[in-house]
């Protein structure tokens, strides 16, 4: 089956338009060119399928052939440009050949859970728990501390991710637990102004905090800190014991062990734990 004048003219106009766009802005035209290549390929595939299909010949004429070709063109256009499709591979190949740096993909945002929305759980709470859920569960397997407790402490220390510790140049430390750099720490650090309570009174001080390469490293280090330090042995045991009062005992144990200097730390943390437990139950 030969190409119709309509489709040929359309293809020529499309190619000329692509050439003009490439001359003005090569980077932005690569994706469109890839889609055009994929569309042409899909049209050829459908043309081959039509040729391999037996037709009666009773109603075949130039008008029906033209209509079929136009329909195939529309189908091909609909099937092009899909995520993970042929045009993605063509785009990457064209970018390499043209020396164009690929666009950085935006990180996928966790989908909001309708059940949580109906239960008045704020979107930033949903996002934080979904974002760190797997890292918390991995740390939970290593320590026996419930993942909801660790998520709650990370949420409390970082203000649900809104007050994360960053360096002066804006680099993220991924330290969502507010763990300070003790003398034995050999990793990276960041100097940050923080609030410490001295004799019950808040004071602004500059302290060194640990810095990590990822949030997963932060959760792993937190698990090591609590699991390998005798100072927190009782805290871990209280968390592992379970029961309705385990959240309060865990929070109070951390405060007694000196994890934070805020006199209200235990009560604040316990409230956040109750929130994470409620959200995780809704997610289950």
Protein backbone atom coordinates (compact mmCIF):
# COMPACT_ATOMS: atom_id res chain seq x y z
CA UNK A 1 0.00 0.00 0.00
CA UNK A 2 1.55 3.30 -1.02
CA UNK A 3 1.54 6.43 1.13
CA UNK A 4 -1.23 8.89 0.36
CA UNK A 5 -0.48 12.48 -0.72
CA UNK A 6 -2.12 13.75 2.48
CA UNK A 7 0.10 11.76 4.84
CA UNK A 8 3.19 12.47 2.73
CA UNK A 9 2.53 16.19 2.78
CA UNK A 10 1.85 16.06 6.52
CA UNK A 11 5.12 14.19 7.12
CA UNK A 12 7.06 16.69 5.01
CA UNK A 13 5.58 19.64 6.87
CA UNK A 14 6.33 17.99 10.22
CA UNK A 15 9.94 17.34 9.24
CA UNK A 16 10.43 20.91 8.03
CA UNK A 17 8.92 22.22 11.28
CA UNK A 18 11.29 20.03 13.28
CA UNK A 19 14.29 21.30 11.32
CA UNK A 20 13.31 24.88 12.02
CA UNK A 21 12.76 24.16 15.73
CA UNK A 22 16.10 22.34 15.98
CA UNK A 23 17.91 25.33 14.51
CA UNK A 24 16.36 27.61 17.13
CA UNK A 25 16.53 25.33 20.18
CA UNK A 26 18.11 21.87 19.71
CA UNK A 27 17.41 20.70 23.26
CA UNK A 28 13.69 21.34 23.23
CA UNK A 29 13.23 19.79 19.79
CA UNK A 30 14.83 16.44 20.61
CA UNK A 31 11.78 15.07 22.41
CA UNK A 32 9.40 16.12 19.62
CA UNK A 33 11.68 14.60 17.00
CA UNK A 34 11.73 11.32 18.94
CA UNK A 35 7.92 11.29 19.03
CA UNK A 36 7.78 11.89 15.28
CA UNK A 37 10.18 9.00 14.64
CA UNK A 38 8.11 6.73 16.88
CA UNK A 39 4.89 7.81 15.11
CA UNK A 40 6.40 6.98 11.70
CA UNK A 41 7.55 3.60 13.00
CA UNK A 42 4.09 2.83 14.41
CA UNK A 43 2.49 3.81 11.10
CA UNK A 44 4.75 1.35 9.27
CA UNK A 45 3.91 -1.38 11.77
CA UNK A 46 0.18 -0.83 11.28
CA UNK A 47 0.65 -0.68 7.50
CA UNK A 48 2.41 -4.07 7.60
CA UNK A 49 -0.38 -5.49 9.73
CA UNK A 50 -2.98 -4.24 7.23
CA UNK A 51 -1.04 -5.77 4.33
CA UNK A 52 -0.87 -9.14 6.08
CA UNK A 53 -4.66 -9.15 6.61
CA UNK A 54 -6.81 -10.67 3.89
CA UNK A 55 -9.46 -8.30 2.55
CA UNK A 56 -12.61 -9.17 0.65
CA UNK A 57 -12.03 -6.49 -1.99
CA UNK A 58 -15.75 -5.82 -2.25
CA UNK A 59 -15.63 -2.40 -0.63
CA UNK A 60 -11.99 -1.53 -1.24
CA UNK A 61 -11.43 1.67 -3.22
CA UNK A 62 -9.25 4.77 -3.06
CA UNK A 63 -11.62 6.49 -0.60
CA UNK A 64 -11.66 3.58 1.89
CA UNK A 65 -7.87 3.22 1.60
CA UNK A 66 -7.41 6.92 2.36
CA UNK A 67 -9.76 6.68 5.33
CA UNK A 68 -7.91 3.62 6.65
CA UNK A 69 -4.53 5.37 6.34
CA UNK A 70 -5.80 8.46 8.14
CA UNK A 71 -7.24 6.27 10.91
CA UNK A 72 -3.93 4.41 11.24
CA UNK A 73 -2.11 7.74 11.49
CA UNK A 74 -4.37 8.85 14.32
CA UNK A 75 -3.85 5.54 16.14
CA UNK A 76 -0.08 5.85 15.74
CA UNK A 77 -0.11 9.39 17.14
CA UNK A 78 -2.14 8.24 20.15
CA UNK A 79 0.32 5.45 20.91
CA UNK A 80 3.46 7.60 20.77
CA UNK A 81 5.13 9.50 23.57
CA UNK A 82 4.06 7.11 26.33
CA UNK A 83 6.41 6.82 29.38
CA UNK A 84 8.96 4.06 28.86
CA UNK A 85 8.08 3.80 25.17
CA UNK A 86 10.22 3.87 22.05
CA UNK A 87 10.38 7.68 21.97
CA UNK A 88 12.19 7.71 25.35
CA UNK A 89 14.94 5.48 23.94
CA UNK A 90 15.13 7.57 20.76
CA UNK A 91 15.35 10.77 22.84
CA UNK A 92 18.32 9.44 24.80
CA UNK A 93 20.08 8.33 21.59
CA UNK A 94 19.53 11.69 19.90
CA UNK A 95 20.76 13.54 22.98
CA UNK A 96 23.98 11.52 22.96
CA UNK A 97 24.52 12.07 19.23
CA UNK A 98 23.85 15.81 19.48
CA UNK A 99 25.84 16.27 22.67
CA UNK A 100 22.77 17.58 24.46
CA UNK A 101 22.69 17.01 28.22
CA UNK A 102 19.56 15.05 29.22
CA UNK A 103 16.95 16.78 31.33
CA UNK A 104 16.98 15.76 34.97
CA UNK A 105 13.83 13.89 35.85
CA UNK A 106 11.80 15.31 38.69
CA UNK A 107 11.63 12.92 41.66
CA UNK A 108 8.32 11.15 41.78
CA UNK A 109 6.13 12.46 44.57
CA UNK A 110 4.38 9.80 46.63
CA UNK A 111 0.73 9.55 45.75
CA UNK A 112 -1.65 10.91 48.37
CA UNK A 113 -3.70 8.25 50.07
CA UNK A 114 -7.43 9.00 49.87
CA UNK A 115 -8.11 7.13 53.11
CA UNK A 116 -5.70 9.40 54.95
CA UNK A 117 -7.14 12.53 53.39
CA UNK A 118 -10.58 11.55 54.60
CA UNK A 119 -9.17 11.13 58.10
CA UNK A 120 -7.82 14.71 58.15
CA UNK A 121 -4.17 13.71 57.86
CA UNK A 122 -2.26 16.65 56.43
CA UNK A 123 -0.52 16.10 53.06
CA UNK A 124 2.95 16.92 54.46
CA UNK A 125 2.46 14.24 57.11
CA UNK A 126 1.45 11.70 54.47
CA UNK A 127 4.43 12.63 52.28
CA UNK A 128 6.95 12.38 55.12
CA UNK A 129 5.76 8.96 56.30
CA UNK A 130 5.60 7.54 52.78
CA UNK A 131 9.03 8.98 51.95
CA UNK A 132 10.82 7.39 54.92
CA UNK A 133 8.68 4.31 55.49
CA UNK A 134 11.07 1.79 53.91
CA UNK A 135 14.16 3.20 55.67
CA UNK A 136 12.33 3.13 59.02
CA UNK A 137 11.25 -0.47 58.50
CA UNK A 138 14.82 -1.50 57.66
CA UNK A 139 16.10 0.19 60.84
CA UNK A 140 13.28 -1.44 62.80
CA UNK A 141 14.43 -4.89 61.64
CA UNK A 142 17.93 -4.12 62.94
CA UNK A 143 16.88 -2.79 66.36
CA UNK A 144 13.40 -4.03 67.16
CA UNK A 145 12.25 -0.45 67.71
CA UNK A 146 8.89 0.06 65.99
CA UNK A 147 9.18 1.89 62.66
CA UNK A 148 6.43 4.27 63.78
CA UNK A 149 8.58 5.38 66.76
CA UNK A 150 11.55 6.16 64.51
CA UNK A 151 9.40 7.93 61.95
CA UNK A 152 7.91 10.01 64.76
CA UNK A 153 11.28 11.01 66.13
CA UNK A 154 12.56 11.93 62.67
CA UNK A 155 9.38 13.93 62.10
CA UNK A 156 9.69 15.71 65.44
CA UNK A 157 13.38 16.54 64.99
CA UNK A 158 12.95 17.78 61.40
CA UNK A 159 9.51 19.38 61.70
CA UNK A 160 8.05 16.78 59.33
CA UNK A 161 10.91 17.50 56.92
CA UNK A 162 10.39 21.26 56.91
CA UNK A 163 13.36 22.08 59.20
CA UNK A 164 16.04 19.71 58.02
CA UNK A 165 19.66 20.38 58.93
CA UNK A 166 21.50 21.96 56.00
CA UNK A 167 25.00 23.34 55.58
CA UNK A 168 25.69 27.02 54.94
CA UNK A 169 25.90 26.33 51.22
CA UNK A 170 22.46 24.72 51.29
CA UNK A 171 23.71 21.12 51.11
CA UNK A 172 21.34 18.71 52.84
CA UNK A 173 22.86 16.72 55.70
CA UNK A 174 20.03 14.12 55.58
CA UNK A 175 20.27 14.15 59.38
CA UNK A 176 16.57 13.90 60.29
CA UNK A 177 17.27 12.77 63.86
CA UNK A 178 19.32 15.76 64.98
CA UNK A 179 22.28 13.55 65.94
CA UNK A 180 25.29 15.60 66.94
CA UNK A 181 28.85 14.84 65.88
CA UNK A 182 30.48 13.31 68.96
CA UNK A 183 34.31 13.19 69.28
CA UNK A 184 34.35 9.65 67.87
CA UNK A 185 32.47 10.60 64.71
CA UNK A 186 34.72 10.42 61.62
CA UNK A 187 32.16 11.30 58.95
CA UNK A 188 31.12 14.66 57.52
CA UNK A 189 29.67 17.37 59.74
CA UNK A 190 27.73 20.61 59.45
CA UNK A 191 27.74 23.55 61.86
CA UNK A 192 24.22 24.70 62.65
CA UNK A 193 22.68 27.08 65.15
CA UNK A 194 20.29 25.23 67.42
CA UNK A 195 18.41 25.70 70.68
CA UNK A 196 19.72 24.04 73.83
CA UNK A 197 18.11 24.17 77.26
CA UNK A 198 20.43 25.11 80.12
CA UNK A 199 18.81 25.01 83.55
CA UNK A 200 15.46 24.86 81.77
CA UNK A 201 16.08 28.01 79.76
CA UNK A 202 16.46 27.98 75.94
CA UNK A 203 19.72 29.29 74.50
CA UNK A 204 20.94 29.63 70.92
CA UNK A 205 24.22 27.78 70.33
CA UNK A 206 26.20 26.59 67.32
CA UNK A 207 26.81 22.84 67.30
CA UNK A 208 28.27 20.23 64.98
CA UNK A 209 25.84 17.70 63.55
CA UNK A 210 26.50 14.54 61.60
CA UNK A 211 25.99 14.59 57.83
CA UNK A 212 25.06 11.62 55.66
CA UNK A 213 24.88 10.77 51.97
CA UNK A 214 21.22 9.72 52.16
CA UNK A 215 18.21 9.43 54.46
CA UNK A 216 18.77 5.67 54.58
CA UNK A 217 22.21 6.27 56.11
CA UNK A 218 20.62 8.56 58.68
CA UNK A 219 18.17 5.86 59.79
CA UNK A 220 20.94 3.24 59.90
CA UNK A 221 23.13 5.47 62.05
CA UNK A 222 20.22 6.16 64.39
CA UNK A 223 19.66 2.41 64.71
CA UNK A 224 23.34 1.90 65.55
CA UNK A 225 23.31 4.74 68.06
CA UNK A 226 20.42 3.29 70.03
CA UNK A 227 21.26 -0.38 69.49
CA UNK A 228 24.98 -0.27 70.35
CA UNK A 229 24.99 2.30 73.15
CA UNK A 230 24.43 1.00 76.68
CA UNK A 231 23.01 4.37 77.57
CA UNK A 232 19.92 3.60 75.47
CA UNK A 233 19.64 -0.12 76.29
CA UNK A 234 16.65 0.41 78.57
CA UNK A 235 14.98 2.66 76.00
CA UNK A 236 15.24 -0.01 73.30
CA UNK A 237 13.91 -2.66 75.69
CA UNK A 238 10.91 -0.47 76.51
CA UNK A 239 10.18 0.06 72.82
CA UNK A 240 10.45 -3.66 72.07
CA UNK A 241 8.11 -4.56 74.94
CA UNK A 242 5.12 -3.13 73.10
CA UNK A 243 1.83 -2.38 74.80
CA UNK A 244 -0.35 0.71 74.87
CA UNK A 245 2.08 2.67 77.03
CA UNK A 246 5.24 1.76 75.07
CA UNK A 247 5.24 5.05 73.11
CA UNK A 248 5.19 7.14 76.29
CA UNK A 249 7.84 4.93 77.94
CA UNK A 250 10.04 5.16 74.86
CA UNK A 251 9.77 8.95 74.72
CA UNK A 252 10.38 9.34 78.44
CA UNK A 253 13.33 6.95 78.29
CA UNK A 254 14.98 8.98 75.54
CA UNK A 255 14.63 12.15 77.56
CA UNK A 256 16.05 10.52 80.70
CA UNK A 257 18.97 9.13 78.69
CA UNK A 258 19.81 12.67 77.59
CA UNK A 259 18.89 12.45 73.90
CA UNK A 260 17.58 16.03 74.05
CA UNK A 261 17.71 18.88 76.54
CA UNK A 262 14.15 20.13 75.97
CA UNK A 263 12.24 19.50 79.25
CA UNK A 264 9.06 18.83 77.23
CA UNK A 265 10.75 16.52 74.73
CA UNK A 266 9.03 13.34 75.94
CA UNK A 267 5.51 14.72 75.79
CA UNK A 268 6.08 16.30 72.36
CA UNK A 269 7.57 13.13 70.95
CA UNK A 270 4.79 10.95 72.37
CA UNK A 271 2.18 13.06 70.59
CA UNK A 272 3.98 12.69 67.27
CA UNK A 273 4.31 8.92 67.81
CA UNK A 274 0.55 8.69 68.28
CA UNK A 275 0.13 10.49 64.94
CA UNK A 276 2.49 8.18 63.04
CA UNK A 277 0.90 5.08 64.56
CA UNK A 278 -2.56 6.29 63.50
CA UNK A 279 -1.40 7.09 59.96
CA UNK A 280 0.45 3.80 59.52
CA UNK A 281 -2.62 1.88 60.61
CA UNK A 282 -4.61 3.73 57.95
CA UNK A 283 -1.94 2.89 55.36
CA UNK A 284 -2.00 -0.83 56.18
